[in-house]
């Protein structure tokens, strides 16, 4: 597993598109924040996380390119041929995807909170400990969404197909979270839990339970599928 992880981190580091996606996400995040009249660090954290749903498409692009090209460029094939366990390969893809997706999505909110806290103080929207819990909980909620897209990537194996399908599911989730039963869907969807969390409509424990349930389920499905599928 360590060998596969080192190889994937090297590829991630060498691909300049990944840094470009981080910069795009940060620029868009700060542009959206500039229109919100934010003053304090806690307000910046709230508004940035509120806008985060708009940036999931950037994360989808990263996973579609990263995992899709792992299949089309036959990196996965070579790992299997070299004798690496399929379960280890799946775990490495999850680790890299979860960590880098959270870099794409969370770099701007954390940086914005720091900048506005230095300039105008933390504020009283959340306490510092509440803010830390929200950041941690949203990390795991993002991970659960990544788990779903990784599963699609292993099923579809091509960047274009992965991006289109994950985009359709993204807009479906947005539609459900703006429907007449939005609150009910928000309780059971990770994206909805994130919105409830920053609004005080759920607890970090409930959000974590939803995140773990989704992530564990999709990790299991991905692993079971990959153990029996043809990687070509």
C-alpha atoms as a PDB file:
ATOM      1  CA  UNK A   1       0.000   0.000   0.000  1.00  0.00           C
ATOM      2  CA  UNK A   2       2.863   2.389   0.830  1.00  0.00           C
ATOM      3  CA  UNK A   3       4.382   1.962  -2.643  1.00  0.00           C
ATOM      4  CA  UNK A   4       1.070   2.750  -4.342  1.00  0.00           C
ATOM      5  CA  UNK A   5       0.518   5.767  -2.096  1.00  0.00           C
ATOM      6  CA  UNK A   6       3.986   7.174  -2.856  1.00  0.00           C
ATOM      7  CA  UNK A   7       3.405   6.723  -6.588  1.00  0.00           C
ATOM      8  CA  UNK A   8       0.021   8.462  -6.418  1.00  0.00           C
ATOM      9  CA  UNK A   9       1.341  11.370  -4.377  1.00  0.00           C
ATOM     10  CA  UNK A  10       4.155  11.825  -6.878  1.00  0.00           C
ATOM     11  CA  UNK A  11       1.674  11.906  -9.769  1.00  0.00           C
ATOM     12  CA  UNK A  12      -0.539  14.347  -7.857  1.00  0.00           C
ATOM     13  CA  UNK A  13       2.406  16.639  -7.211  1.00  0.00           C
ATOM     14  CA  UNK A  14       3.544  16.564 -10.846  1.00  0.00           C
ATOM     15  CA  UNK A  15       0.144  17.404 -12.333  1.00  0.00           C
ATOM     16  CA  UNK A  16      -0.170  21.193 -12.449  1.00  0.00           C
ATOM     17  CA  UNK A  17      -3.907  20.989 -13.113  1.00  0.00           C
ATOM     18  CA  UNK A  18      -4.489  20.066  -9.478  1.00  0.00           C
ATOM     19  CA  UNK A  19      -2.974  23.298  -8.172  1.00  0.00           C
ATOM     20  CA  UNK A  20      -4.970  25.188 -10.796  1.00  0.00           C
ATOM     21  CA  UNK A  21      -8.212  23.672  -9.436  1.00  0.00           C
ATOM     22  CA  UNK A  22      -7.278  24.750  -5.893  1.00  0.00           C
ATOM     23  CA  UNK A  23      -6.622  28.295  -7.108  1.00  0.00           C
ATOM     24  CA  UNK A  24      -9.895  28.397  -9.072  1.00  0.00           C
ATOM     25  CA  UNK A  25     -11.832  27.211  -6.019  1.00  0.00           C
ATOM     26  CA  UNK A  26     -10.173  29.833  -3.800  1.00  0.00           C
ATOM     27  CA  UNK A  27     -10.717  32.654  -6.272  1.00  0.00           C
ATOM     28  CA  UNK A  28     -14.401  31.798  -6.750  1.00  0.00           C
ATOM     29  CA  UNK A  29     -14.836  31.379  -2.996  1.00  0.00           C
ATOM     30  CA  UNK A  30     -13.353  34.805  -2.243  1.00  0.00           C
ATOM     31  CA  UNK A  31     -15.366  36.445  -5.040  1.00  0.00           C
ATOM     32  CA  UNK A  32     -18.579  35.015  -3.590  1.00  0.00           C
ATOM     33  CA  UNK A  33     -17.500  36.086  -0.107  1.00  0.00           C
ATOM     34  CA  UNK A  34     -16.791  39.654  -1.219  1.00  0.00           C
ATOM     35  CA  UNK A  35     -20.471  40.116  -2.072  1.00  0.00           C
ATOM     36  CA  UNK A  36     -21.679  39.028   1.377  1.00  0.00           C
ATOM     37  CA  UNK A  37     -20.623  41.981   3.550  1.00  0.00           C
ATOM     38  CA  UNK A  38     -18.556  39.794   5.883  1.00  0.00           C
ATOM     39  CA  UNK A  39     -16.637  41.406   8.737  1.00  0.00           C
ATOM     40  CA  UNK A  40     -15.494  38.824  11.307  1.00  0.00           C
ATOM     41  CA  UNK A  41     -13.746  35.472  11.131  1.00  0.00           C
ATOM     42  CA  UNK A  42     -16.771  33.462  12.238  1.00  0.00           C
ATOM     43  CA  UNK A  43     -18.950  35.207   9.631  1.00  0.00           C
ATOM     44  CA  UNK A  44     -16.346  34.436   6.956  1.00  0.00           C
ATOM     45  CA  UNK A  45     -16.353  30.776   7.953  1.00  0.00           C
ATOM     46  CA  UNK A  46     -20.161  30.628   7.858  1.00  0.00           C
ATOM     47  CA  UNK A  47     -20.536  32.344   4.483  1.00  0.00           C
ATOM     48  CA  UNK A  48     -17.688  30.380   2.908  1.00  0.00           C
ATOM     49  CA  UNK A  49     -19.185  27.064   3.997  1.00  0.00           C
ATOM     50  CA  UNK A  50     -22.612  28.278   2.882  1.00  0.00           C
ATOM     51  CA  UNK A  51     -21.187  28.880  -0.605  1.00  0.00           C
ATOM     52  CA  UNK A  52     -19.208  25.634  -0.650  1.00  0.00           C
ATOM     53  CA  UNK A  53     -21.962  23.651  -2.376  1.00  0.00           C
ATOM     54  CA  UNK A  54     -21.322  25.746  -5.495  1.00  0.00           C
ATOM     55  CA  UNK A  55     -17.719  24.534  -5.582  1.00  0.00           C
ATOM     56  CA  UNK A  56     -18.398  20.805  -5.503  1.00  0.00           C
ATOM     57  CA  UNK A  57     -18.274  20.773  -9.293  1.00  0.00           C
ATOM     58  CA  UNK A  58     -14.615  21.795  -9.077  1.00  0.00           C
ATOM     59  CA  UNK A  59     -14.017  18.813  -6.788  1.00  0.00           C
ATOM     60  CA  UNK A  60     -15.881  16.593  -9.254  1.00  0.00           C
ATOM     61  CA  UNK A  61     -13.542  17.743 -12.029  1.00  0.00           C
ATOM     62  CA  UNK A  62     -10.528  16.781  -9.911  1.00  0.00           C
ATOM     63  CA  UNK A  63     -11.814  13.282  -9.127  1.00  0.00           C
ATOM     64  CA  UNK A  64     -12.955  12.678 -12.709  1.00  0.00           C
ATOM     65  CA  UNK A  65      -9.525  13.625 -14.074  1.00  0.00           C
ATOM     66  CA  UNK A  66      -7.479  11.984 -11.346  1.00  0.00           C
ATOM     67  CA  UNK A  67      -9.266   8.640 -11.110  1.00  0.00           C
ATOM     68  CA  UNK A  68     -10.474   8.530 -14.698  1.00  0.00           C
ATOM     69  CA  UNK A  69      -6.938   8.942 -15.983  1.00  0.00           C
ATOM     70  CA  UNK A  70      -5.718   6.322 -13.519  1.00  0.00           C
ATOM     71  CA  UNK A  71      -7.845   3.887 -15.526  1.00  0.00           C
ATOM     72  CA  UNK A  72      -7.413   5.254 -19.047  1.00  0.00           C
ATOM     73  CA  UNK A  73      -3.621   5.609 -18.613  1.00  0.00           C
ATOM     74  CA  UNK A  74      -3.575   2.085 -17.132  1.00  0.00           C
ATOM     75  CA  UNK A  75      -1.962   3.015 -13.807  1.00  0.00           C
ATOM     76  CA  UNK A  76      -4.508   0.832 -12.015  1.00  0.00           C
ATOM     77  CA  UNK A  77      -3.750  -2.061 -14.378  1.00  0.00           C
ATOM     78  CA  UNK A  78      -0.046  -1.795 -13.569  1.00  0.00           C
ATOM     79  CA  UNK A  79      -0.668  -1.790  -9.823  1.00  0.00           C
ATOM     80  CA  UNK A  80      -2.724  -4.966 -10.134  1.00  0.00           C
ATOM     81  CA  UNK A  81      -0.165  -6.596 -12.458  1.00  0.00           C
ATOM     82  CA  UNK A  82       2.597  -5.735  -9.974  1.00  0.00           C
ATOM     83  CA  UNK A  83       0.797  -7.743  -7.304  1.00  0.00           C
ATOM     84  CA  UNK A  84      -0.629  -4.964  -5.169  1.00  0.00           C
ATOM     85  CA  UNK A  85      -3.852  -5.926  -3.404  1.00  0.00           C
ATOM     86  CA  UNK A  86      -7.015  -4.512  -4.900  1.00  0.00           C
ATOM     87  CA  UNK A  87      -8.235  -3.482  -1.465  1.00  0.00           C
ATOM     88  CA  UNK A  88      -5.020  -1.506  -0.938  1.00  0.00           C
ATOM     89  CA  UNK A  89      -5.441   0.191  -4.313  1.00  0.00           C
ATOM     90  CA  UNK A  90      -8.986   1.255  -3.428  1.00  0.00           C
ATOM     91  CA  UNK A  91      -7.870   2.582  -0.046  1.00  0.00           C
ATOM     92  CA  UNK A  92      -5.098   4.672  -1.602  1.00  0.00           C
ATOM     93  CA  UNK A  93      -7.486   6.166  -4.176  1.00  0.00           C
ATOM     94  CA  UNK A  94      -9.873   7.083  -1.356  1.00  0.00           C
ATOM     95  CA  UNK A  95      -7.141   8.645   0.799  1.00  0.00           C
ATOM     96  CA  UNK A  96      -5.744  10.789  -2.021  1.00  0.00           C
ATOM     97  CA  UNK A  97      -9.200  11.793  -3.282  1.00  0.00           C
ATOM     98  CA  UNK A  98     -10.527  12.693   0.181  1.00  0.00           C
ATOM     99  CA  UNK A  99      -7.488  14.704   1.247  1.00  0.00           C
ATOM    100  CA  UNK A 100      -7.044  16.660  -1.981  1.00  0.00           C
ATOM    101  CA  UNK A 101     -10.764  17.296  -2.440  1.00  0.00           C
ATOM    102  CA  UNK A 102     -10.855  18.788   1.042  1.00  0.00           C
ATOM    103  CA  UNK A 103      -7.864  20.959   0.139  1.00  0.00           C
ATOM    104  CA  UNK A 104      -9.826  22.205  -2.886  1.00  0.00           C
ATOM    105  CA  UNK A 105     -12.981  22.866  -0.869  1.00  0.00           C
ATOM    106  CA  UNK A 106     -11.669  23.977   2.524  1.00  0.00           C
ATOM    107  CA  UNK A 107      -8.539  26.019   1.824  1.00  0.00           C
ATOM    108  CA  UNK A 108     -10.551  29.168   1.094  1.00  0.00           C
ATOM    109  CA  UNK A 109     -12.953  28.969   4.105  1.00  0.00           C
ATOM    110  CA  UNK A 110     -10.103  28.402   6.559  1.00  0.00           C
ATOM    111  CA  UNK A 111      -7.919  31.105   5.010  1.00  0.00           C
ATOM    112  CA  UNK A 112     -10.856  33.543   4.943  1.00  0.00           C
ATOM    113  CA  UNK A 113     -11.613  32.872   8.615  1.00  0.00           C
ATOM    114  CA  UNK A 114      -7.977  33.559   9.524  1.00  0.00           C
ATOM    115  CA  UNK A 115      -7.764  36.768   7.457  1.00  0.00           C
ATOM    116  CA  UNK A 116     -10.991  38.265   8.804  1.00  0.00           C
ATOM    117  CA  UNK A 117     -10.150  37.206  12.377  1.00  0.00           C
ATOM    118  CA  UNK A 118      -6.813  39.040  12.152  1.00  0.00           C
ATOM    119  CA  UNK A 119      -8.480  42.119  10.669  1.00  0.00           C
ATOM    120  CA  UNK A 120     -11.691  42.346  12.721  1.00  0.00           C
ATOM    121  CA  UNK A 121     -11.627  39.605  15.338  1.00  0.00           C
ATOM    122  CA  UNK A 122     -13.343  36.234  15.451  1.00  0.00           C
ATOM    123  CA  UNK A 123     -16.851  37.549  16.190  1.00  0.00           C
ATOM    124  CA  UNK A 124     -19.686  35.847  18.019  1.00  0.00           C
ATOM    125  CA  UNK A 125     -21.487  33.800  15.354  1.00  0.00           C
ATOM    126  CA  UNK A 126     -19.709  30.685  16.656  1.00  0.00           C
ATOM    127  CA  UNK A 127     -17.283  30.140  19.487  1.00  0.00           C
ATOM    128  CA  UNK A 128     -13.788  29.077  18.440  1.00  0.00           C
ATOM    129  CA  UNK A 129     -14.467  25.491  19.572  1.00  0.00           C
ATOM    130  CA  UNK A 130     -17.755  25.411  17.625  1.00  0.00           C
ATOM    131  CA  UNK A 131     -15.922  26.657  14.552  1.00  0.00           C
ATOM    132  CA  UNK A 132     -13.299  23.915  14.927  1.00  0.00           C
ATOM    133  CA  UNK A 133     -16.015  21.249  15.282  1.00  0.00           C
ATOM    134  CA  UNK A 134     -17.793  22.560  12.193  1.00  0.00           C
ATOM    135  CA  UNK A 135     -14.568  22.411  10.168  1.00  0.00           C
ATOM    136  CA  UNK A 136     -13.898  18.839  11.309  1.00  0.00           C
ATOM    137  CA  UNK A 137     -17.478  17.718  10.647  1.00  0.00           C
ATOM    138  CA  UNK A 138     -17.529  19.237   7.153  1.00  0.00           C
ATOM    139  CA  UNK A 139     -14.227  17.498   6.371  1.00  0.00           C
ATOM    140  CA  UNK A 140     -15.955  14.150   7.003  1.00  0.00           C
ATOM    141  CA  UNK A 141     -19.132  15.188   5.173  1.00  0.00           C
ATOM    142  CA  UNK A 142     -17.007  16.090   2.163  1.00  0.00           C
ATOM    143  CA  UNK A 143     -15.284  12.711   2.482  1.00  0.00           C
ATOM    144  CA  UNK A 144     -18.638  10.953   2.290  1.00  0.00           C
ATOM    145  CA  UNK A 145     -19.463  12.764  -0.954  1.00  0.00           C
ATOM    146  CA  UNK A 146     -16.042  11.868  -2.317  1.00  0.00           C
ATOM    147  CA  UNK A 147     -16.754   8.233  -1.487  1.00  0.00           C
ATOM    148  CA  UNK A 148     -19.793   8.328  -3.759  1.00  0.00           C
ATOM    149  CA  UNK A 149     -17.862   9.886  -6.659  1.00  0.00           C
ATOM    150  CA  UNK A 150     -14.983   7.409  -6.217  1.00  0.00           C
ATOM    151  CA  UNK A 151     -17.503   4.583  -6.517  1.00  0.00           C
ATOM    152  CA  UNK A 152     -18.763   6.103  -9.776  1.00  0.00           C
ATOM    153  CA  UNK A 153     -15.179   6.438 -10.989  1.00  0.00           C
ATOM    154  CA  UNK A 154     -14.476   2.750 -10.437  1.00  0.00           C
ATOM    155  CA  UNK A 155     -17.717   1.864 -12.220  1.00  0.00           C
ATOM    156  CA  UNK A 156     -17.325   4.163 -15.222  1.00  0.00           C
ATOM    157  CA  UNK A 157     -13.517   4.432 -15.528  1.00  0.00           C
ATOM    158  CA  UNK A 158     -13.523   7.344 -18.020  1.00  0.00           C
ATOM    159  CA  UNK A 159     -13.100  11.017 -17.057  1.00  0.00           C
ATOM    160  CA  UNK A 160     -15.969  12.304 -19.215  1.00  0.00           C
ATOM    161  CA  UNK A 161     -18.451   9.694 -18.004  1.00  0.00           C
ATOM    162  CA  UNK A 162     -17.455  10.239 -14.373  1.00  0.00           C
ATOM    163  CA  UNK A 163     -17.813  14.019 -14.641  1.00  0.00           C
ATOM    164  CA  UNK A 164     -21.193  13.907 -16.383  1.00  0.00           C
ATOM    165  CA  UNK A 165     -22.690  11.353 -13.987  1.00  0.00           C
ATOM    166  CA  UNK A 166     -21.368  13.033 -10.846  1.00  0.00           C
ATOM    167  CA  UNK A 167     -22.629  16.374 -12.196  1.00  0.00           C
ATOM    168  CA  UNK A 168     -26.114  14.938 -12.713  1.00  0.00           C
ATOM    169  CA  UNK A 169     -26.129  13.609  -9.146  1.00  0.00           C
ATOM    170  CA  UNK A 170     -24.917  16.976  -7.866  1.00  0.00           C
ATOM    171  CA  UNK A 171     -27.785  18.848  -9.522  1.00  0.00           C
ATOM    172  CA  UNK A 172     -30.232  16.177  -8.329  1.00  0.00           C
ATOM    173  CA  UNK A 173     -29.083  16.760  -4.760  1.00  0.00           C
ATOM    174  CA  UNK A 174     -29.448  20.531  -5.204  1.00  0.00           C
ATOM    175  CA  UNK A 175     -32.966  19.995  -6.579  1.00  0.00           C
ATOM    176  CA  UNK A 176     -33.951  17.791  -3.622  1.00  0.00           C
ATOM    177  CA  UNK A 177     -32.531  20.274  -1.131  1.00  0.00           C
ATOM    178  CA  UNK A 178     -34.689  23.021  -2.651  1.00  0.00           C
ATOM    179  CA  UNK A 179     -37.878  20.959  -2.908  1.00  0.00           C
ATOM    180  CA  UNK A 180     -40.921  21.024  -0.624  1.00  0.00           C
ATOM    181  CA  UNK A 181     -39.370  18.237   1.464  1.00  0.00           C
ATOM    182  CA  UNK A 182     -35.984  19.943   1.648  1.00  0.00           C
ATOM    183  CA  UNK A 183     -35.601  19.519   5.419  1.00  0.00           C
ATOM    184  CA  UNK A 184     -36.290  15.781   5.261  1.00  0.00           C
ATOM    185  CA  UNK A 185     -33.732  15.336   2.461  1.00  0.00           C
ATOM    186  CA  UNK A 186     -31.228  17.549   4.285  1.00  0.00           C
ATOM    187  CA  UNK A 187     -31.332  15.164   7.250  1.00  0.00           C
ATOM    188  CA  UNK A 188     -30.176  12.217   5.151  1.00  0.00           C
ATOM    189  CA  UNK A 189     -27.905  13.820   2.531  1.00  0.00           C
ATOM    190  CA  UNK A 190     -24.316  14.867   3.407  1.00  0.00           C
ATOM    191  CA  UNK A 191     -24.657  18.147   1.495  1.00  0.00           C
ATOM    192  CA  UNK A 192     -27.839  18.903   3.419  1.00  0.00           C
ATOM    193  CA  UNK A 193     -26.215  18.023   6.740  1.00  0.00           C
ATOM    194  CA  UNK A 194     -23.444  20.511   5.982  1.00  0.00           C
ATOM    195  CA  UNK A 195     -25.992  23.284   5.449  1.00  0.00           C
ATOM    196  CA  UNK A 196     -27.915  22.321   8.595  1.00  0.00           C
ATOM    197  CA  UNK A 197     -24.688  22.222  10.585  1.00  0.00           C
ATOM    198  CA  UNK A 198     -23.630  25.787   9.838  1.00  0.00           C
ATOM    199  CA  UNK A 199     -27.212  26.974  10.448  1.00  0.00           C
ATOM    200  CA  UNK A 200     -27.397  25.236  13.828  1.00  0.00           C
ATOM    201  CA  UNK A 201     -30.072  22.819  12.606  1.00  0.00           C
ATOM    202  CA  UNK A 202     -28.098  19.672  13.433  1.00  0.00           C
ATOM    203  CA  UNK A 203     -25.269  18.611  15.719  1.00  0.00           C
ATOM    204  CA  UNK A 204     -21.692  17.642  14.805  1.00  0.00           C
ATOM    205  CA  UNK A 205     -22.459  14.143  16.104  1.00  0.00           C
ATOM    206  CA  UNK A 206     -25.459  13.709  13.788  1.00  0.00           C
ATOM    207  CA  UNK A 207     -23.484  15.100  10.850  1.00  0.00           C
ATOM    208  CA  UNK A 208     -20.611  12.742  11.617  1.00  0.00           C
ATOM    209  CA  UNK A 209     -22.992   9.764  11.804  1.00  0.00           C
ATOM    210  CA  UNK A 210     -24.384  10.562   8.333  1.00  0.00           C
ATOM    211  CA  UNK A 211     -20.878  11.072   6.948  1.00  0.00           C
ATOM    212  CA  UNK A 212     -19.530   7.801   8.339  1.00  0.00           C
ATOM    213  CA  UNK A 213     -22.563   5.848   7.124  1.00  0.00           C
ATOM    214  CA  UNK A 214     -22.213   7.130   3.550  1.00  0.00           C
ATOM    215  CA  UNK A 215     -18.444   6.809   3.438  1.00  0.00           C
ATOM    216  CA  UNK A 216     -18.393   3.294   4.876  1.00  0.00           C
ATOM    217  CA  UNK A 217     -21.140   2.142   2.510  1.00  0.00           C
ATOM    218  CA  UNK A 218     -19.462   3.488  -0.625  1.00  0.00           C
ATOM    219  CA  UNK A 219     -16.005   2.262   0.429  1.00  0.00           C
ATOM    220  CA  UNK A 220     -17.461  -1.222   0.885  1.00  0.00           C
ATOM    221  CA  UNK A 221     -19.284  -1.131  -2.462  1.00  0.00           C
ATOM    222  CA  UNK A 222     -16.200   0.134  -4.296  1.00  0.00           C
ATOM    223  CA  UNK A 223     -13.939  -2.489  -2.746  1.00  0.00           C
ATOM    224  CA  UNK A 224     -16.352  -5.359  -3.422  1.00  0.00           C
ATOM    225  CA  UNK A 225     -16.886  -4.251  -7.010  1.00  0.00           C
ATOM    226  CA  UNK A 226     -13.179  -3.755  -7.762  1.00  0.00           C
ATOM    227  CA  UNK A 227     -12.249  -7.164  -6.372  1.00  0.00           C
ATOM    228  CA  UNK A 228     -14.341  -8.848  -9.045  1.00  0.00           C
ATOM    229  CA  UNK A 229     -14.263  -6.455 -12.010  1.00  0.00           C
ATOM    230  CA  UNK A 230     -12.070  -6.373 -15.094  1.00  0.00           C
ATOM    231  CA  UNK A 231      -9.808  -3.336 -14.772  1.00  0.00           C
ATOM    232  CA  UNK A 232      -9.478  -2.892 -18.559  1.00  0.00           C
END
